[in-house]
Amino acid sequence: MTDSPSPPPTDPEQVARQRHFAIGLFRLSGAFIVMFGFLAIMQRFDWVQGNRAKAFGAIMVVTGLFQFVVVPRLLLALFRQRPPQ
């Protein structure tokens, strides 16, 4: 019978900081995706023009809004279920 070493104790404040940083990072990247989508809708890129630019931009805007609004709420719900130990 081998005893595996117990994991080192975690600092709840450090875990809270990491979680807060992750939520902020998701929100920031969602905002950037929304801006990118609006630039595509305005046809600011040479590689996508016309109706394809509008469709691509709309998809990017919806994806960015989902990442900006919904994903942080899902993470908060997950973090509440698993408090730092």
N, C-alpha and C. Protein backbone atom coordinates (compact mmCIF):
# COMPACT_ATOMS: atom_id res chain seq x y z
N MET A 1 0.85 -1.17 0.00
CA MET A 1 0.00 0.00 0.00
C MET A 1 0.90 1.23 0.00
N THR A 2 0.78 2.04 -1.02
CA THR A 2 1.60 3.24 -1.11
C THR A 2 0.74 4.45 -0.79
N ASP A 3 1.29 5.29 0.02
CA ASP A 3 0.59 6.53 0.37
C ASP A 3 1.00 7.61 -0.62
N SER A 4 0.02 8.13 -1.33
CA SER A 4 0.34 9.22 -2.24
C SER A 4 0.39 10.51 -1.43
N PRO A 5 1.32 11.38 -1.77
CA PRO A 5 1.41 12.63 -1.00
C PRO A 5 0.16 13.47 -1.21
N SER A 6 -0.27 14.09 -0.15
CA SER A 6 -1.46 14.95 -0.25
C SER A 6 -1.09 16.23 -1.00
N PRO A 7 -2.05 16.77 -1.73
CA PRO A 7 -1.75 17.99 -2.46
C PRO A 7 -1.46 19.13 -1.49
N PRO A 8 -0.65 20.08 -1.91
CA PRO A 8 -0.34 21.19 -1.00
C PRO A 8 -1.61 22.00 -0.73
N PRO A 9 -1.68 22.60 0.43
CA PRO A 9 -2.87 23.40 0.76
C PRO A 9 -2.98 24.60 -0.20
N THR A 10 -4.21 24.91 -0.56
CA THR A 10 -4.43 26.03 -1.47
C THR A 10 -4.86 27.25 -0.69
N ASP A 11 -4.43 28.39 -1.16
CA ASP A 11 -4.80 29.66 -0.55
C ASP A 11 -6.11 30.12 -1.18
N PRO A 12 -7.19 30.24 -0.40
CA PRO A 12 -8.48 30.64 -0.97
C PRO A 12 -8.43 32.01 -1.66
N GLU A 13 -7.62 32.92 -1.14
CA GLU A 13 -7.52 34.23 -1.78
C GLU A 13 -6.85 34.13 -3.14
N GLN A 14 -5.84 33.28 -3.26
CA GLN A 14 -5.17 33.09 -4.54
C GLN A 14 -6.12 32.47 -5.56
N VAL A 15 -6.90 31.49 -5.13
CA VAL A 15 -7.87 30.85 -6.02
C VAL A 15 -8.93 31.87 -6.46
N ALA A 16 -9.38 32.71 -5.53
CA ALA A 16 -10.37 33.74 -5.87
C ALA A 16 -9.80 34.73 -6.88
N ARG A 17 -8.53 35.11 -6.72
CA ARG A 17 -7.89 36.02 -7.68
C ARG A 17 -7.80 35.39 -9.06
N GLN A 18 -7.43 34.11 -9.11
CA GLN A 18 -7.33 33.42 -10.39
C GLN A 18 -8.69 33.31 -11.07
N ARG A 19 -9.72 33.04 -10.30
CA ARG A 19 -11.06 32.94 -10.87
C ARG A 19 -11.54 34.30 -11.37
N HIS A 20 -11.29 35.34 -10.61
CA HIS A 20 -11.67 36.69 -11.02
C HIS A 20 -10.94 37.07 -12.31
N PHE A 21 -9.66 36.73 -12.41
CA PHE A 21 -8.87 37.01 -13.60
C PHE A 21 -9.44 36.25 -14.81
N ALA A 22 -9.83 35.00 -14.61
CA ALA A 22 -10.39 34.20 -15.71
C ALA A 22 -11.69 34.81 -16.22
N ILE A 23 -12.55 35.23 -15.31
CA ILE A 23 -13.81 35.85 -15.71
C ILE A 23 -13.55 37.14 -16.47
N GLY A 24 -12.64 37.95 -15.97
CA GLY A 24 -12.30 39.19 -16.66
C GLY A 24 -11.71 38.95 -18.03
N LEU A 25 -10.90 37.92 -18.15
CA LEU A 25 -10.29 37.58 -19.44
C LEU A 25 -11.35 37.14 -20.45
N PHE A 26 -12.33 36.36 -20.00
CA PHE A 26 -13.40 35.95 -20.90
C PHE A 26 -14.21 37.16 -21.36
N ARG A 27 -14.49 38.08 -20.43
CA ARG A 27 -15.25 39.28 -20.82
C ARG A 27 -14.46 40.13 -21.80
N LEU A 28 -13.19 40.32 -21.55
CA LEU A 28 -12.36 41.13 -22.44
C LEU A 28 -12.26 40.52 -23.83
N SER A 29 -12.03 39.22 -23.89
CA SER A 29 -11.93 38.57 -25.20
C SER A 29 -13.28 38.60 -25.92
N GLY A 30 -14.38 38.50 -25.18
CA GLY A 30 -15.71 38.63 -25.80
C GLY A 30 -15.92 40.00 -26.40
N ALA A 31 -15.47 41.04 -25.70
CA ALA A 31 -15.58 42.40 -26.24
C ALA A 31 -14.76 42.55 -27.51
N PHE A 32 -13.55 41.97 -27.53
CA PHE A 32 -12.73 42.04 -28.74
C PHE A 32 -13.37 41.29 -29.91
N ILE A 33 -14.00 40.17 -29.63
CA ILE A 33 -14.67 39.42 -30.68
C ILE A 33 -15.85 40.22 -31.25
N VAL A 34 -16.58 40.91 -30.37
CA VAL A 34 -17.69 41.75 -30.83
C VAL A 34 -17.16 42.87 -31.73
N MET A 35 -16.08 43.53 -31.30
CA MET A 35 -15.51 44.60 -32.13
C MET A 35 -15.04 44.05 -33.48
N PHE A 36 -14.41 42.90 -33.47
CA PHE A 36 -13.95 42.27 -34.70
C PHE A 36 -15.14 41.98 -35.62
N GLY A 37 -16.24 41.51 -35.04
CA GLY A 37 -17.43 41.23 -35.82
C GLY A 37 -18.01 42.48 -36.45
N PHE A 38 -18.04 43.58 -35.70
CA PHE A 38 -18.54 44.83 -36.28
C PHE A 38 -17.63 45.34 -37.39
N LEU A 39 -16.33 45.18 -37.22
CA LEU A 39 -15.41 45.57 -38.30
C LEU A 39 -15.66 44.73 -39.55
N ALA A 40 -15.94 43.46 -39.37
CA ALA A 40 -16.23 42.60 -40.52
C ALA A 40 -17.54 43.02 -41.18
N ILE A 41 -18.54 43.36 -40.38
CA ILE A 41 -19.82 43.82 -40.94
C ILE A 41 -19.62 45.10 -41.75
N MET A 42 -18.74 45.97 -41.28
CA MET A 42 -18.45 47.21 -42.01
C MET A 42 -17.50 46.98 -43.18
N GLN A 43 -17.11 45.73 -43.43
CA GLN A 43 -16.28 45.31 -44.54
C GLN A 43 -14.91 46.00 -44.53
N ARG A 44 -14.27 46.01 -43.37
CA ARG A 44 -12.95 46.62 -43.23
C ARG A 44 -11.81 45.67 -43.58
N PHE A 45 -12.13 44.42 -43.90
CA PHE A 45 -11.10 43.44 -44.22
C PHE A 45 -11.20 43.08 -45.70
N ASP A 46 -10.07 42.95 -46.35
CA ASP A 46 -10.06 42.61 -47.77
C ASP A 46 -10.42 41.15 -48.02
N TRP A 47 -10.16 40.28 -47.07
CA TRP A 47 -10.36 38.86 -47.28
C TRP A 47 -11.81 38.42 -47.14
N VAL A 48 -12.70 39.30 -46.68
CA VAL A 48 -14.13 38.97 -46.63
C VAL A 48 -14.91 40.25 -46.98
N GLN A 49 -15.73 40.13 -48.01
CA GLN A 49 -16.49 41.29 -48.49
C GLN A 49 -17.91 40.87 -48.83
N GLY A 50 -18.79 41.86 -48.97
CA GLY A 50 -20.17 41.62 -49.39
C GLY A 50 -21.01 40.93 -48.35
N ASN A 51 -21.90 40.07 -48.84
CA ASN A 51 -22.82 39.37 -47.93
C ASN A 51 -22.09 38.41 -47.00
N ARG A 52 -21.00 37.86 -47.47
CA ARG A 52 -20.22 36.96 -46.61
C ARG A 52 -19.65 37.72 -45.41
N ALA A 53 -19.24 38.95 -45.62
CA ALA A 53 -18.71 39.76 -44.51
C ALA A 53 -19.80 40.02 -43.48
N LYS A 54 -20.99 40.30 -43.96
CA LYS A 54 -22.10 40.58 -43.04
C LYS A 54 -22.49 39.33 -42.25
N ALA A 55 -22.53 38.19 -42.92
CA ALA A 55 -22.87 36.95 -42.22
C ALA A 55 -21.77 36.58 -41.22
N PHE A 56 -20.52 36.67 -41.67
CA PHE A 56 -19.40 36.36 -40.79
C PHE A 56 -19.39 37.30 -39.58
N GLY A 57 -19.58 38.59 -39.84
CA GLY A 57 -19.59 39.57 -38.75
C GLY A 57 -20.71 39.32 -37.76
N ALA A 58 -21.89 38.98 -38.27
CA ALA A 58 -23.02 38.71 -37.37
C ALA A 58 -22.74 37.49 -36.49
N ILE A 59 -22.14 36.46 -37.08
CA ILE A 59 -21.79 35.28 -36.29
C ILE A 59 -20.77 35.65 -35.21
N MET A 60 -19.78 36.46 -35.58
CA MET A 60 -18.77 36.88 -34.60
C MET A 60 -19.37 37.73 -33.49
N VAL A 61 -20.29 38.62 -33.82
CA VAL A 61 -20.93 39.46 -32.81
C VAL A 61 -21.73 38.60 -31.83
N VAL A 62 -22.50 37.67 -32.35
CA VAL A 62 -23.31 36.80 -31.47
C VAL A 62 -22.39 35.95 -30.59
N THR A 63 -21.33 35.43 -31.17
CA THR A 63 -20.38 34.63 -30.39
C THR A 63 -19.72 35.48 -29.30
N GLY A 64 -19.31 36.69 -29.66
CA GLY A 64 -18.68 37.57 -28.68
C GLY A 64 -19.62 37.96 -27.56
N LEU A 65 -20.87 38.25 -27.91
CA LEU A 65 -21.85 38.59 -26.87
C LEU A 65 -22.09 37.41 -25.93
N PHE A 66 -22.16 36.21 -26.50
CA PHE A 66 -22.31 35.01 -25.67
C PHE A 66 -21.13 34.88 -24.71
N GLN A 67 -19.93 35.08 -25.24
CA GLN A 67 -18.74 34.97 -24.40
C GLN A 67 -18.67 36.10 -23.38
N PHE A 68 -19.19 37.26 -23.71
CA PHE A 68 -19.13 38.41 -22.81
C PHE A 68 -20.18 38.31 -21.70
N VAL A 69 -21.36 37.77 -22.03
CA VAL A 69 -22.47 37.79 -21.07
C VAL A 69 -22.69 36.42 -20.40
N VAL A 70 -22.77 35.37 -21.18
CA VAL A 70 -23.21 34.07 -20.66
C VAL A 70 -22.08 33.29 -20.00
N VAL A 71 -20.92 33.23 -20.65
CA VAL A 71 -19.82 32.42 -20.13
C VAL A 71 -19.39 32.84 -18.72
N PRO A 72 -19.24 34.14 -18.43
CA PRO A 72 -18.88 34.50 -17.04
C PRO A 72 -19.93 34.07 -16.02
N ARG A 73 -21.21 34.12 -16.40
CA ARG A 73 -22.25 33.66 -15.47
C ARG A 73 -22.16 32.15 -15.23
N LEU A 74 -21.86 31.41 -16.28
CA LEU A 74 -21.68 29.97 -16.13
C LEU A 74 -20.47 29.67 -15.24
N LEU A 75 -19.40 30.41 -15.43
CA LEU A 75 -18.22 30.22 -14.58
C LEU A 75 -18.53 30.55 -13.13
N LEU A 76 -19.27 31.63 -12.90
CA LEU A 76 -19.65 31.97 -11.52
C LEU A 76 -20.46 30.86 -10.87
N ALA A 77 -21.40 30.30 -11.63
CA ALA A 77 -22.20 29.19 -11.08
C ALA A 77 -21.31 27.99 -10.77
N LEU A 78 -20.35 27.71 -11.64
CA LEU A 78 -19.43 26.60 -11.40
C LEU A 78 -18.56 26.88 -10.17
N PHE A 79 -18.08 28.10 -10.05
CA PHE A 79 -17.21 28.45 -8.92
C PHE A 79 -17.97 28.43 -7.60
N ARG A 80 -19.25 28.71 -7.63
CA ARG A 80 -20.04 28.65 -6.40
C ARG A 80 -20.25 27.21 -5.95
N GLN A 81 -20.33 26.29 -6.92
CA GLN A 81 -20.50 24.88 -6.58
C GLN A 81 -19.23 24.29 -5.99
N ARG A 82 -18.08 24.80 -6.44
CA ARG A 82 -16.79 24.28 -5.99
C ARG A 82 -15.99 25.39 -5.30
N PRO A 83 -16.29 25.66 -4.04
CA PRO A 83 -15.52 26.70 -3.35
C PRO A 83 -14.07 26.26 -3.15
N PRO A 84 -13.17 27.21 -3.05
CA PRO A 84 -11.75 26.85 -2.82
C PRO A 84 -11.62 26.10 -1.51
N GLN A 85 -10.74 25.10 -1.50
CA GLN A 85 -10.56 24.29 -0.29
C GLN A 85 -9.19 24.48 0.28
